[in-house]
């Protein structure tokens, strides 16, 4: 859960707000951030959904996409559009 706190802060969520969005207790969020407890797979999945990142990124296994996940949603959309335009050129 190495990226949990930074993602939470970037989204502007307090631990309390994140607990409600994910459906866990505040002490759980605090324990995950301090690496005292490891969340179950369903909780990790909900955290990744709420925070808009992959599970790999959330747990610190994917460093290639670090810059992408730090982008605003607007820039993420532009990256996706660019990838789609490249894909169309490759298919032709």
N, C-alpha and C. Protein backbone atom coordinates (compact mmCIF):
# COMPACT_ATOMS: atom_id res chain seq x y z
N UNK A 1 0.83 -1.19 0.00
CA UNK A 1 0.00 0.00 0.00
C UNK A 1 0.87 1.25 0.00
N UNK A 2 1.99 1.17 -0.71
CA UNK A 2 2.97 2.25 -0.64
C UNK A 2 2.48 3.57 -1.24
N UNK A 3 1.51 3.55 -2.11
CA UNK A 3 1.03 4.78 -2.74
C UNK A 3 -0.32 5.25 -2.21
N UNK A 4 -0.86 4.57 -1.22
CA UNK A 4 -2.20 4.89 -0.74
C UNK A 4 -2.32 6.32 -0.23
N UNK A 5 -1.45 6.71 0.67
CA UNK A 5 -1.58 8.04 1.26
C UNK A 5 -1.40 9.14 0.21
N UNK A 6 -0.40 9.01 -0.66
CA UNK A 6 -0.18 10.06 -1.66
C UNK A 6 -1.37 10.17 -2.61
N UNK A 7 -1.96 9.04 -3.00
CA UNK A 7 -3.15 9.08 -3.87
C UNK A 7 -4.33 9.70 -3.14
N UNK A 8 -4.52 9.35 -1.88
CA UNK A 8 -5.63 9.90 -1.09
C UNK A 8 -5.49 11.42 -0.99
N UNK A 9 -4.28 11.88 -0.67
CA UNK A 9 -4.04 13.32 -0.53
C UNK A 9 -4.24 14.02 -1.87
N UNK A 10 -3.74 13.42 -2.96
CA UNK A 10 -3.89 14.02 -4.29
C UNK A 10 -5.36 14.18 -4.66
N UNK A 11 -6.19 13.21 -4.27
CA UNK A 11 -7.63 13.30 -4.56
C UNK A 11 -8.33 14.29 -3.63
N UNK A 12 -7.64 14.72 -2.57
CA UNK A 12 -8.25 15.65 -1.62
C UNK A 12 -9.15 14.96 -0.61
N UNK A 13 -8.96 13.67 -0.42
CA UNK A 13 -9.78 12.91 0.51
C UNK A 13 -9.12 12.85 1.89
N UNK A 14 -9.92 13.03 2.90
CA UNK A 14 -9.46 12.74 4.26
C UNK A 14 -9.55 11.23 4.47
N UNK A 15 -8.94 10.74 5.53
CA UNK A 15 -9.06 9.32 5.84
C UNK A 15 -10.53 8.96 6.08
N UNK A 16 -11.26 9.87 6.70
CA UNK A 16 -12.68 9.62 6.99
C UNK A 16 -13.49 9.53 5.70
N UNK A 17 -13.25 10.44 4.76
CA UNK A 17 -13.99 10.38 3.49
C UNK A 17 -13.66 9.09 2.76
N UNK A 18 -12.39 8.71 2.74
CA UNK A 18 -12.00 7.49 2.04
C UNK A 18 -12.63 6.26 2.70
N UNK A 19 -12.72 6.27 4.02
CA UNK A 19 -13.35 5.13 4.69
C UNK A 19 -14.78 4.95 4.23
N UNK A 20 -15.52 6.05 4.07
CA UNK A 20 -16.90 5.96 3.62
C UNK A 20 -17.00 5.52 2.16
N UNK A 21 -16.11 6.04 1.33
CA UNK A 21 -16.15 5.68 -0.09
C UNK A 21 -15.79 4.21 -0.32
N UNK A 22 -14.91 3.68 0.52
CA UNK A 22 -14.46 2.30 0.35
C UNK A 22 -15.28 1.32 1.19
N UNK A 23 -15.83 1.80 2.30
CA UNK A 23 -16.65 0.93 3.16
C UNK A 23 -15.85 0.22 4.23
N UNK A 24 -14.81 0.90 4.74
CA UNK A 24 -14.02 0.33 5.84
C UNK A 24 -13.95 1.37 6.96
N UNK A 25 -13.41 0.97 8.09
CA UNK A 25 -13.31 1.89 9.21
C UNK A 25 -12.12 2.83 9.03
N UNK A 26 -12.18 3.98 9.70
CA UNK A 26 -11.08 4.95 9.64
C UNK A 26 -9.80 4.33 10.18
N UNK A 27 -9.91 3.53 11.21
CA UNK A 27 -8.70 2.91 11.75
C UNK A 27 -8.07 1.97 10.72
N UNK A 28 -8.89 1.41 9.85
CA UNK A 28 -8.35 0.55 8.79
C UNK A 28 -7.54 1.37 7.80
N UNK A 29 -8.07 2.49 7.34
CA UNK A 29 -7.34 3.34 6.39
C UNK A 29 -6.01 3.77 7.02
N UNK A 30 -6.06 4.18 8.26
CA UNK A 30 -4.85 4.60 8.95
C UNK A 30 -3.84 3.45 9.04
N UNK A 31 -4.31 2.27 9.35
CA UNK A 31 -3.43 1.09 9.45
C UNK A 31 -2.84 0.72 8.10
N UNK A 32 -3.63 0.84 7.02
CA UNK A 32 -3.11 0.55 5.68
C UNK A 32 -2.01 1.55 5.31
N UNK A 33 -2.25 2.83 5.60
CA UNK A 33 -1.27 3.86 5.26
C UNK A 33 0.02 3.70 6.06
N UNK A 34 -0.09 3.25 7.29
CA UNK A 34 1.09 3.06 8.13
C UNK A 34 1.71 1.67 7.95
N UNK A 35 1.13 0.89 7.07
CA UNK A 35 1.61 -0.46 6.75
C UNK A 35 1.60 -1.39 7.96
N UNK A 36 0.59 -1.15 8.84
CA UNK A 36 0.40 -2.00 10.01
C UNK A 36 -0.49 -3.19 9.65
N UNK A 37 -1.44 -2.94 8.74
CA UNK A 37 -2.35 -3.98 8.26
C UNK A 37 -2.36 -3.99 6.75
N UNK A 38 -2.66 -5.16 6.20
CA UNK A 38 -2.80 -5.32 4.75
C UNK A 38 -4.28 -5.53 4.45
N UNK A 39 -4.85 -4.73 3.55
CA UNK A 39 -6.27 -4.90 3.23
C UNK A 39 -6.52 -6.19 2.45
N UNK A 40 -7.75 -6.66 2.54
CA UNK A 40 -8.14 -7.83 1.76
C UNK A 40 -8.19 -7.44 0.29
N UNK A 41 -8.21 -8.44 -0.58
CA UNK A 41 -8.26 -8.16 -2.02
C UNK A 41 -9.49 -7.35 -2.42
N UNK A 42 -10.70 -7.66 -1.90
CA UNK A 42 -11.85 -6.81 -2.26
C UNK A 42 -11.67 -5.35 -1.84
N UNK A 43 -11.03 -5.12 -0.71
CA UNK A 43 -10.80 -3.75 -0.25
C UNK A 43 -9.76 -3.07 -1.14
N UNK A 44 -8.72 -3.80 -1.51
CA UNK A 44 -7.72 -3.24 -2.42
C UNK A 44 -8.39 -2.86 -3.75
N UNK A 45 -9.27 -3.72 -4.23
CA UNK A 45 -9.98 -3.43 -5.48
C UNK A 45 -10.81 -2.15 -5.33
N UNK A 46 -11.56 -2.01 -4.23
CA UNK A 46 -12.37 -0.80 -4.02
C UNK A 46 -11.50 0.44 -3.88
N UNK A 47 -10.37 0.30 -3.20
CA UNK A 47 -9.45 1.44 -3.08
C UNK A 47 -8.95 1.88 -4.45
N UNK A 48 -8.59 0.92 -5.29
CA UNK A 48 -8.10 1.28 -6.63
C UNK A 48 -9.18 1.93 -7.47
N UNK A 49 -10.42 1.46 -7.33
CA UNK A 49 -11.54 2.07 -8.05
C UNK A 49 -11.77 3.50 -7.58
N UNK A 50 -11.82 3.70 -6.28
CA UNK A 50 -12.10 5.03 -5.71
C UNK A 50 -10.96 6.00 -6.03
N UNK A 51 -9.73 5.52 -5.99
CA UNK A 51 -8.59 6.39 -6.20
C UNK A 51 -8.18 6.50 -7.68
N UNK A 52 -8.83 5.72 -8.55
CA UNK A 52 -8.59 5.82 -9.99
C UNK A 52 -7.22 5.35 -10.42
N UNK A 53 -6.79 4.22 -9.89
CA UNK A 53 -5.47 3.68 -10.26
C UNK A 53 -5.56 2.17 -10.34
N UNK A 54 -4.50 1.57 -10.84
CA UNK A 54 -4.45 0.11 -10.88
C UNK A 54 -4.06 -0.43 -9.50
N UNK A 55 -4.39 -1.67 -9.26
CA UNK A 55 -3.98 -2.32 -8.02
C UNK A 55 -2.45 -2.36 -7.95
N UNK A 56 -1.80 -2.66 -9.05
CA UNK A 56 -0.33 -2.69 -9.07
C UNK A 56 0.26 -1.36 -8.63
N UNK A 57 -0.30 -0.28 -9.13
CA UNK A 57 0.21 1.03 -8.74
C UNK A 57 -0.05 1.29 -7.26
N UNK A 58 -1.24 0.95 -6.80
CA UNK A 58 -1.61 1.18 -5.41
C UNK A 58 -0.65 0.48 -4.45
N UNK A 59 -0.27 -0.73 -4.78
CA UNK A 59 0.61 -1.50 -3.88
C UNK A 59 2.10 -1.29 -4.18
N UNK A 60 2.42 -0.43 -5.15
CA UNK A 60 3.80 -0.09 -5.41
C UNK A 60 4.54 -1.05 -6.31
N UNK A 61 3.82 -1.84 -7.09
CA UNK A 61 4.46 -2.81 -7.99
C UNK A 61 4.65 -2.27 -9.40
N UNK A 62 4.02 -1.18 -9.72
CA UNK A 62 4.10 -0.64 -11.07
C UNK A 62 4.63 0.78 -11.00
N UNK A 63 5.85 0.97 -11.46
CA UNK A 63 6.44 2.31 -11.43
C UNK A 63 6.41 2.97 -12.79
N UNK A 64 6.12 2.21 -13.83
CA UNK A 64 6.10 2.76 -15.16
C UNK A 64 4.98 3.77 -15.35
N UNK A 65 3.90 3.59 -14.63
CA UNK A 65 2.73 4.46 -14.82
C UNK A 65 2.63 5.56 -13.77
N UNK A 66 3.67 5.75 -12.97
CA UNK A 66 3.62 6.76 -11.91
C UNK A 66 3.20 8.12 -12.44
N UNK A 67 3.82 8.55 -13.52
CA UNK A 67 3.53 9.89 -14.05
C UNK A 67 2.09 9.97 -14.55
N UNK A 68 1.58 8.91 -15.14
CA UNK A 68 0.20 8.91 -15.63
C UNK A 68 -0.78 9.10 -14.48
N UNK A 69 -0.60 8.36 -13.40
CA UNK A 69 -1.53 8.44 -12.28
C UNK A 69 -1.47 9.77 -11.54
N UNK A 70 -0.42 10.53 -11.74
CA UNK A 70 -0.32 11.84 -11.12
C UNK A 70 -1.00 12.92 -11.94
N UNK A 71 -1.39 12.60 -13.17
CA UNK A 71 -2.06 13.57 -14.03
C UNK A 71 -3.49 13.84 -13.58
N UNK A 72 -3.98 15.02 -13.92
CA UNK A 72 -5.39 15.32 -13.69
C UNK A 72 -6.22 14.48 -14.65
N UNK A 73 -7.50 14.35 -14.37
CA UNK A 73 -8.38 13.55 -15.23
C UNK A 73 -8.39 14.09 -16.65
N UNK A 74 -8.34 15.40 -16.80
CA UNK A 74 -8.33 16.01 -18.13
C UNK A 74 -7.12 15.53 -18.94
N UNK A 75 -5.95 15.53 -18.33
CA UNK A 75 -4.75 15.07 -19.03
C UNK A 75 -4.77 13.57 -19.26
N UNK A 76 -5.34 12.82 -18.32
CA UNK A 76 -5.47 11.37 -18.54
C UNK A 76 -6.32 11.11 -19.78
N UNK A 77 -7.41 11.88 -19.93
CA UNK A 77 -8.27 11.73 -21.10
C UNK A 77 -7.50 12.03 -22.39
N UNK A 78 -6.65 13.04 -22.35
CA UNK A 78 -5.85 13.40 -23.53
C UNK A 78 -4.86 12.29 -23.87
N UNK A 79 -4.27 11.67 -22.86
CA UNK A 79 -3.35 10.57 -23.10
C UNK A 79 -4.09 9.41 -23.77
N UNK A 80 -5.27 9.09 -23.27
CA UNK A 80 -6.08 8.00 -23.85
C UNK A 80 -6.43 8.33 -25.30
N UNK A 81 -6.83 9.57 -25.57
CA UNK A 81 -7.14 9.98 -26.95
C UNK A 81 -5.92 9.80 -27.85
N UNK A 82 -4.76 10.19 -27.35
CA UNK A 82 -3.52 10.05 -28.13
C UNK A 82 -3.22 8.59 -28.42
N UNK A 83 -3.37 7.74 -27.42
CA UNK A 83 -3.13 6.30 -27.61
C UNK A 83 -4.10 5.73 -28.63
N UNK A 84 -5.36 6.13 -28.55
CA UNK A 84 -6.36 5.65 -29.51
C UNK A 84 -6.02 6.11 -30.93
N UNK A 85 -5.55 7.35 -31.07
CA UNK A 85 -5.19 7.83 -32.42
C UNK A 85 -3.98 7.06 -32.96
N UNK A 86 -3.04 6.73 -32.11
CA UNK A 86 -1.90 5.91 -32.54
C UNK A 86 -2.34 4.52 -32.95
N UNK A 87 -3.26 3.96 -32.18
CA UNK A 87 -3.75 2.61 -32.48
C UNK A 87 -4.43 2.57 -33.83
N UNK A 88 -5.18 3.60 -34.17
CA UNK A 88 -5.84 3.67 -35.48
C UNK A 88 -4.83 3.74 -36.60
N UNK A 89 -3.72 4.44 -36.39
CA UNK A 89 -2.68 4.55 -37.41
C UNK A 89 -1.98 3.20 -37.61
N UNK A 90 -1.79 2.46 -36.54
CA UNK A 90 -1.12 1.16 -36.62
C UNK A 90 -1.98 0.14 -37.36
N UNK A 91 -3.29 0.18 -37.14
CA UNK A 91 -4.21 -0.77 -37.75
C UNK A 91 -4.28 -0.57 -39.25
N UNK A 92 -4.14 0.64 -39.74
CA UNK A 92 -4.28 0.94 -41.18
C UNK A 92 -3.25 0.27 -41.99
